């Protein structure tokens, strides 16, 4: 599998399963979101899937130069949706 990190693509060995995490601010926000999802009764499998989706989006934001939630704009989200459609 491949993960995008600050503009460069890194290969990840299947055995090591190293997973790139977003910057501290985004990581804190993501973890707060996931705690809420668990508190709302989501299954562990659902929460793991949501974590993967949110992590990918946050890494995309970082690569786009967005370093705060307040900087997220409609055009950035639309551009990310186009990236998802291509997958």
PDB file of N, CA and C in Angstrom:
ATOM      1  N   UNK A   1       0.849  -1.181   0.000  1.00  0.00           N
ATOM      2  CA  UNK A   1       0.000   0.000   0.000  1.00  0.00           C
ATOM      3  C   UNK A   1       0.885   1.231   0.000  1.00  0.00           C
ATOM      4  N   UNK A   2       0.280   2.337  -0.391  1.00  0.00           N
ATOM      5  CA  UNK A   2       1.052   3.572  -0.430  1.00  0.00           C
ATOM      6  C   UNK A   2       0.320   4.659   0.345  1.00  0.00           C
ATOM      7  N   UNK A   3       1.072   5.472   1.046  1.00  0.00           N
ATOM      8  CA  UNK A   3       0.525   6.586   1.808  1.00  0.00           C
ATOM      9  C   UNK A   3       1.205   7.865   1.360  1.00  0.00           C
ATOM     10  N   UNK A   4       0.452   8.946   1.341  1.00  0.00           N
ATOM     11  CA  UNK A   4       1.008  10.218   0.923  1.00  0.00           C
ATOM     12  C   UNK A   4       1.381  11.007   2.169  1.00  0.00           C
ATOM     13  N   UNK A   5       2.621  11.495   2.189  1.00  0.00           N
ATOM     14  CA  UNK A   5       3.088  12.250   3.349  1.00  0.00           C
ATOM     15  C   UNK A   5       3.795  13.498   2.867  1.00  0.00           C
ATOM     16  N   UNK A   6       3.216  14.630   3.121  1.00  0.00           N
ATOM     17  CA  UNK A   6       3.798  15.926   2.773  1.00  0.00           C
ATOM     18  C   UNK A   6       4.364  15.949   1.360  1.00  0.00           C
ATOM     19  N   UNK A   7       3.594  15.481   0.418  1.00  0.00           N
ATOM     20  CA  UNK A   7       3.984  15.581  -0.975  1.00  0.00           C
ATOM     21  C   UNK A   7       4.773  14.411  -1.518  1.00  0.00           C
ATOM     22  N   UNK A   8       5.206  13.491  -0.679  1.00  0.00           N
ATOM     23  CA  UNK A   8       5.957  12.339  -1.183  1.00  0.00           C
ATOM     24  C   UNK A   8       5.194  11.065  -0.866  1.00  0.00           C
ATOM     25  N   UNK A   9       5.305  10.108  -1.752  1.00  0.00           N
ATOM     26  CA  UNK A   9       4.606   8.847  -1.562  1.00  0.00           C
ATOM     27  C   UNK A   9       5.571   7.856  -0.937  1.00  0.00           C
ATOM     28  N   UNK A  10       5.125   7.210   0.123  1.00  0.00           N
ATOM     29  CA  UNK A  10       5.970   6.240   0.813  1.00  0.00           C
ATOM     30  C   UNK A  10       5.371   4.854   0.676  1.00  0.00           C
ATOM     31  N   UNK A  11       6.206   3.879   0.369  1.00  0.00           N
ATOM     32  CA  UNK A  11       5.748   2.488   0.330  1.00  0.00           C
ATOM     33  C   UNK A  11       5.760   1.942   1.749  1.00  0.00           C
ATOM     34  N   UNK A  12       4.759   1.186   2.077  1.00  0.00           N
ATOM     35  CA  UNK A  12       4.662   0.603   3.407  1.00  0.00           C
ATOM     36  C   UNK A  12       4.715  -0.903   3.272  1.00  0.00           C
ATOM     37  N   UNK A  13       5.621  -1.510   4.001  1.00  0.00           N
ATOM     38  CA  UNK A  13       5.761  -2.950   4.015  1.00  0.00           C
ATOM     39  C   UNK A  13       4.547  -3.553   4.710  1.00  0.00           C
ATOM     40  N   UNK A  14       3.920  -4.549   4.118  1.00  0.00           N
ATOM     41  CA  UNK A  14       2.734  -5.165   4.688  1.00  0.00           C
ATOM     42  C   UNK A  14       2.996  -5.711   6.085  1.00  0.00           C
ATOM     43  N   UNK A  15       4.216  -6.171   6.346  1.00  0.00           N
ATOM     44  CA  UNK A  15       4.515  -6.743   7.659  1.00  0.00           C
ATOM     45  C   UNK A  15       4.591  -5.674   8.742  1.00  0.00           C
ATOM     46  N   UNK A  16       5.124  -4.526   8.407  1.00  0.00           N
ATOM     47  CA  UNK A  16       5.345  -3.508   9.435  1.00  0.00           C
ATOM     48  C   UNK A  16       4.081  -2.711   9.743  1.00  0.00           C
ATOM     49  N   UNK A  17       3.218  -2.528   8.759  1.00  0.00           N
ATOM     50  CA  UNK A  17       1.965  -1.793   8.923  1.00  0.00           C
ATOM     51  C   UNK A  17       2.161  -0.425   9.559  1.00  0.00           C
ATOM     52  N   UNK A  18       3.216   0.274   9.195  1.00  0.00           N
ATOM     53  CA  UNK A  18       3.425   1.641   9.669  1.00  0.00           C
ATOM     54  C   UNK A  18       2.358   2.520   9.027  1.00  0.00           C
ATOM     55  N   UNK A  19       1.672   3.277   9.829  1.00  0.00           N
ATOM     56  CA  UNK A  19       0.602   4.125   9.320  1.00  0.00           C
ATOM     57  C   UNK A  19       0.943   5.568   9.644  1.00  0.00           C
ATOM     58  N   UNK A  20       0.885   6.394   8.642  1.00  0.00           N
ATOM     59  CA  UNK A  20       1.148   7.821   8.822  1.00  0.00           C
ATOM     60  C   UNK A  20      -0.014   8.463   9.543  1.00  0.00           C
ATOM     61  N   UNK A  21       0.294   9.308  10.510  1.00  0.00           N
ATOM     62  CA  UNK A  21      -0.742  10.034  11.236  1.00  0.00           C
ATOM     63  C   UNK A  21      -0.661  11.508  10.860  1.00  0.00           C
ATOM     64  N   UNK A  22      -1.790  12.207  10.915  1.00  0.00           N
ATOM     65  CA  UNK A  22      -1.783  13.648  10.623  1.00  0.00           C
ATOM     66  C   UNK A  22      -1.071  14.430  11.723  1.00  0.00           C
ATOM     67  N   UNK A  23      -0.872  15.725  11.489  1.00  0.00           N
ATOM     68  CA  UNK A  23      -0.211  16.589  12.466  1.00  0.00           C
ATOM     69  C   UNK A  23      -0.986  16.568  13.785  1.00  0.00           C
ATOM     70  N   UNK A  24      -0.349  17.046  14.848  1.00  0.00           N
ATOM     71  CA  UNK A  24      -0.934  16.955  16.191  1.00  0.00           C
ATOM     72  C   UNK A  24      -2.323  17.581  16.293  1.00  0.00           C
ATOM     73  N   UNK A  25      -2.508  18.757  15.705  1.00  0.00           N
ATOM     74  CA  UNK A  25      -3.812  19.407  15.769  1.00  0.00           C
ATOM     75  C   UNK A  25      -4.889  18.531  15.140  1.00  0.00           C
ATOM     76  N   UNK A  26      -4.635  18.036  13.946  1.00  0.00           N
ATOM     77  CA  UNK A  26      -5.607  17.196  13.257  1.00  0.00           C
ATOM     78  C   UNK A  26      -5.776  15.854  13.976  1.00  0.00           C
ATOM     79  N   UNK A  27      -4.695  15.318  14.511  1.00  0.00           N
ATOM     80  CA  UNK A  27      -4.764  14.043  15.226  1.00  0.00           C
ATOM     81  C   UNK A  27      -5.661  14.176  16.456  1.00  0.00           C
ATOM     82  N   UNK A  28      -5.527  15.280  17.167  1.00  0.00           N
ATOM     83  CA  UNK A  28      -6.375  15.531  18.333  1.00  0.00           C
ATOM     84  C   UNK A  28      -7.843  15.625  17.922  1.00  0.00           C
ATOM     85  N   UNK A  29      -8.121  16.367  16.867  1.00  0.00           N
ATOM     86  CA  UNK A  29      -9.493  16.484  16.373  1.00  0.00           C
ATOM     87  C   UNK A  29     -10.059  15.151  15.930  1.00  0.00           C
ATOM     88  N   UNK A  30      -9.246  14.357  15.230  1.00  0.00           N
ATOM     89  CA  UNK A  30      -9.688  13.054  14.757  1.00  0.00           C
ATOM     90  C   UNK A  30     -10.013  12.151  15.948  1.00  0.00           C
ATOM     91  N   UNK A  31      -9.144  12.152  16.955  1.00  0.00           N
ATOM     92  CA  UNK A  31      -9.380  11.303  18.122  1.00  0.00           C
ATOM     93  C   UNK A  31     -10.631  11.715  18.883  1.00  0.00           C
ATOM     94  N   UNK A  32     -10.881  13.012  18.995  1.00  0.00           N
ATOM     95  CA  UNK A  32     -12.101  13.488  19.650  1.00  0.00           C
ATOM     96  C   UNK A  32     -13.336  13.023  18.875  1.00  0.00           C
ATOM     97  N   UNK A  33     -13.267  13.095  17.551  1.00  0.00           N
ATOM     98  CA  UNK A  33     -14.366  12.637  16.698  1.00  0.00           C
ATOM     99  C   UNK A  33     -14.625  11.143  16.918  1.00  0.00           C
ATOM    100  N   UNK A  34     -13.561  10.358  16.965  1.00  0.00           N
ATOM    101  CA  UNK A  34     -13.714   8.907  17.107  1.00  0.00           C
ATOM    102  C   UNK A  34     -14.249   8.533  18.484  1.00  0.00           C
ATOM    103  N   UNK A  35     -13.855   9.263  19.520  1.00  0.00           N
ATOM    104  CA  UNK A  35     -14.388   9.009  20.862  1.00  0.00           C
ATOM    105  C   UNK A  35     -15.894   9.256  20.871  1.00  0.00           C
ATOM    106  N   UNK A  36     -16.316  10.319  20.197  1.00  0.00           N
ATOM    107  CA  UNK A  36     -17.749  10.608  20.100  1.00  0.00           C
ATOM    108  C   UNK A  36     -18.479   9.501  19.351  1.00  0.00           C
ATOM    109  N   UNK A  37     -17.863   9.009  18.289  1.00  0.00           N
ATOM    110  CA  UNK A  37     -18.492   7.940  17.503  1.00  0.00           C
ATOM    111  C   UNK A  37     -18.660   6.685  18.362  1.00  0.00           C
ATOM    112  N   UNK A  38     -17.629   6.337  19.140  1.00  0.00           N
ATOM    113  CA  UNK A  38     -17.728   5.176  20.027  1.00  0.00           C
ATOM    114  C   UNK A  38     -18.809   5.392  21.083  1.00  0.00           C
ATOM    115  N   UNK A  39     -18.866   6.610  21.641  1.00  0.00           N
ATOM    116  CA  UNK A  39     -19.874   6.927  22.660  1.00  0.00           C
ATOM    117  C   UNK A  39     -21.288   6.838  22.094  1.00  0.00           C
ATOM    118  N   UNK A  40     -21.425   7.062  20.793  1.00  0.00           N
ATOM    119  CA  UNK A  40     -22.736   6.975  20.141  1.00  0.00           C
ATOM    120  C   UNK A  40     -23.094   5.550  19.751  1.00  0.00           C
ATOM    121  N   UNK A  41     -22.268   4.583  20.178  1.00  0.00           N
ATOM    122  CA  UNK A  41     -22.603   3.179  19.974  1.00  0.00           C
ATOM    123  C   UNK A  41     -22.126   2.568  18.670  1.00  0.00           C
ATOM    124  N   UNK A  42     -21.203   3.230  17.961  1.00  0.00           N
ATOM    125  CA  UNK A  42     -20.683   2.654  16.727  1.00  0.00           C
ATOM    126  C   UNK A  42     -19.832   1.425  17.051  1.00  0.00           C
ATOM    127  N   UNK A  43     -19.865   0.435  16.190  1.00  0.00           N
ATOM    128  CA  UNK A  43     -19.063  -0.767  16.410  1.00  0.00           C
ATOM    129  C   UNK A  43     -17.578  -0.457  16.216  1.00  0.00           C
ATOM    130  N   UNK A  44     -16.735  -1.316  16.761  1.00  0.00           N
ATOM    131  CA  UNK A  44     -15.291  -1.121  16.631  1.00  0.00           C
ATOM    132  C   UNK A  44     -14.875  -1.130  15.161  1.00  0.00           C
ATOM    133  N   UNK A  45     -15.464  -2.003  14.369  1.00  0.00           N
ATOM    134  CA  UNK A  45     -15.144  -2.079  12.941  1.00  0.00           C
ATOM    135  C   UNK A  45     -15.529  -0.783  12.231  1.00  0.00           C
ATOM    136  N   UNK A  46     -16.687  -0.238  12.554  1.00  0.00           N
ATOM    137  CA  UNK A  46     -17.126   1.021  11.952  1.00  0.00           C
ATOM    138  C   UNK A  46     -16.188   2.152  12.322  1.00  0.00           C
ATOM    139  N   UNK A  47     -15.801   2.216  13.588  1.00  0.00           N
ATOM    140  CA  UNK A  47     -14.904   3.275  14.049  1.00  0.00           C
ATOM    141  C   UNK A  47     -13.543   3.156  13.366  1.00  0.00           C
ATOM    142  N   UNK A  48     -13.043   1.932  13.198  1.00  0.00           N
ATOM    143  CA  UNK A  48     -11.763   1.746  12.493  1.00  0.00           C
ATOM    144  C   UNK A  48     -11.857   2.224  11.050  1.00  0.00           C
ATOM    145  N   UNK A  49     -12.967   1.909  10.379  1.00  0.00           N
ATOM    146  CA  UNK A  49     -13.159   2.363   9.003  1.00  0.00           C
ATOM    147  C   UNK A  49     -13.224   3.883   8.951  1.00  0.00           C
ATOM    148  N   UNK A  50     -13.997   4.484   9.846  1.00  0.00           N
ATOM    149  CA  UNK A  50     -14.113   5.945   9.875  1.00  0.00           C
ATOM    150  C   UNK A  50     -12.760   6.599  10.153  1.00  0.00           C
ATOM    151  N   UNK A  51     -11.959   5.984  11.022  1.00  0.00           N
ATOM    152  CA  UNK A  51     -10.627   6.519  11.308  1.00  0.00           C
ATOM    153  C   UNK A  51      -9.777   6.539  10.045  1.00  0.00           C
ATOM    154  N   UNK A  52      -9.856   5.476   9.261  1.00  0.00           N
ATOM    155  CA  UNK A  52      -9.091   5.403   8.013  1.00  0.00           C
ATOM    156  C   UNK A  52      -9.515   6.496   7.038  1.00  0.00           C
ATOM    157  N   UNK A  53     -10.828   6.705   6.924  1.00  0.00           N
ATOM    158  CA  UNK A  53     -11.359   7.711   6.009  1.00  0.00           C
ATOM    159  C   UNK A  53     -10.953   9.114   6.461  1.00  0.00           C
ATOM    160  N   UNK A  54     -11.124   9.383   7.745  1.00  0.00           N
ATOM    161  CA  UNK A  54     -10.792  10.707   8.278  1.00  0.00           C
ATOM    162  C   UNK A  54      -9.297  10.960   8.182  1.00  0.00           C
ATOM    163  N   UNK A  55      -8.470   9.952   8.501  1.00  0.00           N
ATOM    164  CA  UNK A  55      -7.015  10.102   8.412  1.00  0.00           C
ATOM    165  C   UNK A  55      -6.594  10.471   6.993  1.00  0.00           C
ATOM    166  N   UNK A  56      -7.153   9.805   6.005  1.00  0.00           N
ATOM    167  CA  UNK A  56      -6.806  10.106   4.614  1.00  0.00           C
ATOM    168  C   UNK A  56      -7.158  11.547   4.262  1.00  0.00           C
ATOM    169  N   UNK A  57      -8.330  11.997   4.688  1.00  0.00           N
ATOM    170  CA  UNK A  57      -8.749  13.363   4.407  1.00  0.00           C
ATOM    171  C   UNK A  57      -7.828  14.367   5.090  1.00  0.00           C
ATOM    172  N   UNK A  58      -7.466  14.116   6.342  1.00  0.00           N
ATOM    173  CA  UNK A  58      -6.599  15.044   7.066  1.00  0.00           C
ATOM    174  C   UNK A  58      -5.203  15.101   6.455  1.00  0.00           C
ATOM    175  N   UNK A  59      -4.699  13.964   6.001  1.00  0.00           N
ATOM    176  CA  UNK A  59      -3.397  13.969   5.325  1.00  0.00           C
ATOM    177  C   UNK A  59      -3.486  14.736   4.011  1.00  0.00           C
ATOM    178  N   UNK A  60      -4.605  14.607   3.303  1.00  0.00           N
ATOM    179  CA  UNK A  60      -4.820  15.384   2.084  1.00  0.00           C
ATOM    180  C   UNK A  60      -4.791  16.873   2.407  1.00  0.00           C
ATOM    181  N   UNK A  61      -5.469  17.267   3.479  1.00  0.00           N
ATOM    182  CA  UNK A  61      -5.480  18.676   3.874  1.00  0.00           C
ATOM    183  C   UNK A  61      -4.072  19.186   4.141  1.00  0.00           C
ATOM    184  N   UNK A  62      -3.287  18.403   4.864  1.00  0.00           N
ATOM    185  CA  UNK A  62      -1.911  18.813   5.151  1.00  0.00           C
ATOM    186  C   UNK A  62      -1.118  19.009   3.865  1.00  0.00           C
ATOM    187  N   UNK A  63      -1.273  18.075   2.930  1.00  0.00           N
ATOM    188  CA  UNK A  63      -0.557  18.175   1.656  1.00  0.00           C
ATOM    189  C   UNK A  63      -1.014  19.385   0.850  1.00  0.00           C
ATOM    190  N   UNK A  64      -2.257  19.825   1.087  1.00  0.00           N
ATOM    191  CA  UNK A  64      -2.789  21.003   0.397  1.00  0.00           C
ATOM    192  C   UNK A  64      -2.419  22.293   1.124  1.00  0.00           C
ATOM    193  N   UNK A  65      -1.670  22.186   2.216  1.00  0.00           N
ATOM    194  CA  UNK A  65      -1.232  23.365   2.952  1.00  0.00           C
ATOM    195  C   UNK A  65      -2.214  23.851   3.997  1.00  0.00           C
ATOM    196  N   UNK A  66      -3.237  23.073   4.256  1.00  0.00           N
ATOM    197  CA  UNK A  66      -4.228  23.435   5.274  1.00  0.00           C
ATOM    198  C   UNK A  66      -3.732  22.893   6.611  1.00  0.00           C
ATOM    199  N   UNK A  67      -3.505  23.789   7.567  1.00  0.00           N
ATOM    200  CA  UNK A  67      -2.964  23.360   8.853  1.00  0.00           C
ATOM    201  C   UNK A  67      -3.869  23.706  10.033  1.00  0.00           C
ATOM    202  N   UNK A  68      -5.113  24.058   9.738  1.00  0.00           N
ATOM    203  CA  UNK A  68      -6.085  24.341  10.795  1.00  0.00           C
ATOM    204  C   UNK A  68      -7.482  24.052  10.258  1.00  0.00           C
ATOM    205  N   UNK A  69      -8.351  23.578  11.129  1.00  0.00           N
ATOM    206  CA  UNK A  69      -9.712  23.278  10.702  1.00  0.00           C
ATOM    207  C   UNK A  69     -10.397  24.510  10.128  1.00  0.00           C
ATOM    208  N   UNK A  70     -10.065  25.678  10.652  1.00  0.00           N
ATOM    209  CA  UNK A  70     -10.690  26.916  10.180  1.00  0.00           C
ATOM    210  C   UNK A  70     -10.289  27.268   8.747  1.00  0.00           C
ATOM    211  N   UNK A  71      -9.243  26.646   8.233  1.00  0.00           N
ATOM    212  CA  UNK A  71      -8.776  26.926   6.868  1.00  0.00           C
ATOM    213  C   UNK A  71      -9.463  26.055   5.814  1.00  0.00           C
ATOM    214  N   UNK A  72     -10.263  25.087   6.244  1.00  0.00           N
ATOM    215  CA  UNK A  72     -10.929  24.192   5.296  1.00  0.00           C
ATOM    216  C   UNK A  72     -12.008  24.975   4.556  1.00  0.00           C
ATOM    217  N   UNK A  73     -11.924  24.939   3.233  1.00  0.00           N
ATOM    218  CA  UNK A  73     -12.894  25.650   2.398  1.00  0.00           C
ATOM    219  C   UNK A  73     -13.560  24.679   1.433  1.00  0.00           C
ATOM    220  N   UNK A  74     -14.671  25.119   0.899  1.00  0.00           N
ATOM    221  CA  UNK A  74     -15.482  24.292   0.001  1.00  0.00           C
ATOM    222  C   UNK A  74     -14.667  23.755  -1.178  1.00  0.00           C
ATOM    223  N   UNK A  75     -13.840  24.586  -1.799  1.00  0.00           N
ATOM    224  CA  UNK A  75     -13.092  24.139  -2.973  1.00  0.00           C
ATOM    225  C   UNK A  75     -12.086  23.040  -2.625  1.00  0.00           C
ATOM    226  N   UNK A  76     -11.550  23.060  -1.423  1.00  0.00           N
ATOM    227  CA  UNK A  76     -10.611  22.010  -1.002  1.00  0.00           C
ATOM    228  C   UNK A  76     -11.346  20.685  -0.839  1.00  0.00           C
ATOM    229  N   UNK A  77     -12.524  20.740  -0.232  1.00  0.00           N
ATOM    230  CA  UNK A  77     -13.326  19.528  -0.051  1.00  0.00           C
ATOM    231  C   UNK A  77     -13.760  18.985  -1.415  1.00  0.00           C
ATOM    232  N   UNK A  78     -14.181  19.867  -2.318  1.00  0.00           N
ATOM    233  CA  UNK A  78     -14.590  19.424  -3.653  1.00  0.00           C
ATOM    234  C   UNK A  78     -13.422  18.774  -4.395  1.00  0.00           C
ATOM    235  N   UNK A  79     -12.227  19.343  -4.260  1.00  0.00           N
ATOM    236  CA  UNK A  79     -11.048  18.760  -4.904  1.00  0.00           C
ATOM    237  C   UNK A  79     -10.756  17.375  -4.331  1.00  0.00           C
ATOM    238  N   UNK A  80     -10.938  17.209  -3.032  1.00  0.00           N
ATOM    239  CA  UNK A  80     -10.716  15.900  -2.413  1.00  0.00           C
ATOM    240  C   UNK A  80     -11.740  14.881  -2.904  1.00  0.00           C
ATOM    241  N   UNK A  81     -12.981  15.312  -3.085  1.00  0.00           N
ATOM    242  CA  UNK A  81     -14.010  14.406  -3.591  1.00  0.00           C
ATOM    243  C   UNK A  81     -13.668  13.914  -4.995  1.00  0.00           C
ATOM    244  N   UNK A  82     -13.061  14.776  -5.797  1.00  0.00           N
ATOM    245  CA  UNK A  82     -12.620  14.361  -7.135  1.00  0.00           C
ATOM    246  C   UNK A  82     -11.524  13.303  -7.017  1.00  0.00           C
ATOM    247  N   UNK A  83     -10.618  13.492  -6.064  1.00  0.00           N
ATOM    248  CA  UNK A  83      -9.564  12.489  -5.827  1.00  0.00           C
ATOM    249  C   UNK A  83     -10.193  11.154  -5.439  1.00  0.00           C
ATOM    250  N   UNK A  84     -11.186  11.202  -4.562  1.00  0.00           N
ATOM    251  CA  UNK A  84     -11.856   9.957  -4.150  1.00  0.00           C
ATOM    252  C   UNK A  84     -12.561   9.293  -5.325  1.00  0.00           C
ATOM    253  N   UNK A  85     -13.176  10.083  -6.188  1.00  0.00           N
ATOM    254  CA  UNK A  85     -13.879   9.500  -7.339  1.00  0.00           C
ATOM    255  C   UNK A  85     -12.914   8.758  -8.248  1.00  0.00           C
ATOM    256  N   UNK A  86     -11.691   9.251  -8.329  1.00  0.00           N
ATOM    257  CA  UNK A  86     -10.707   8.606  -9.213  1.00  0.00           C
ATOM    258  C   UNK A  86     -10.227   7.274  -8.649  1.00  0.00           C
ATOM    259  N   UNK A  87     -10.440   7.061  -7.365  1.00  0.00           N
ATOM    260  CA  UNK A  87     -10.046   5.784  -6.739  1.00  0.00           C
ATOM    261  C   UNK A  87     -11.155   4.818  -6.929  1.00  0.00           C
TER     262      UNK A  87
END
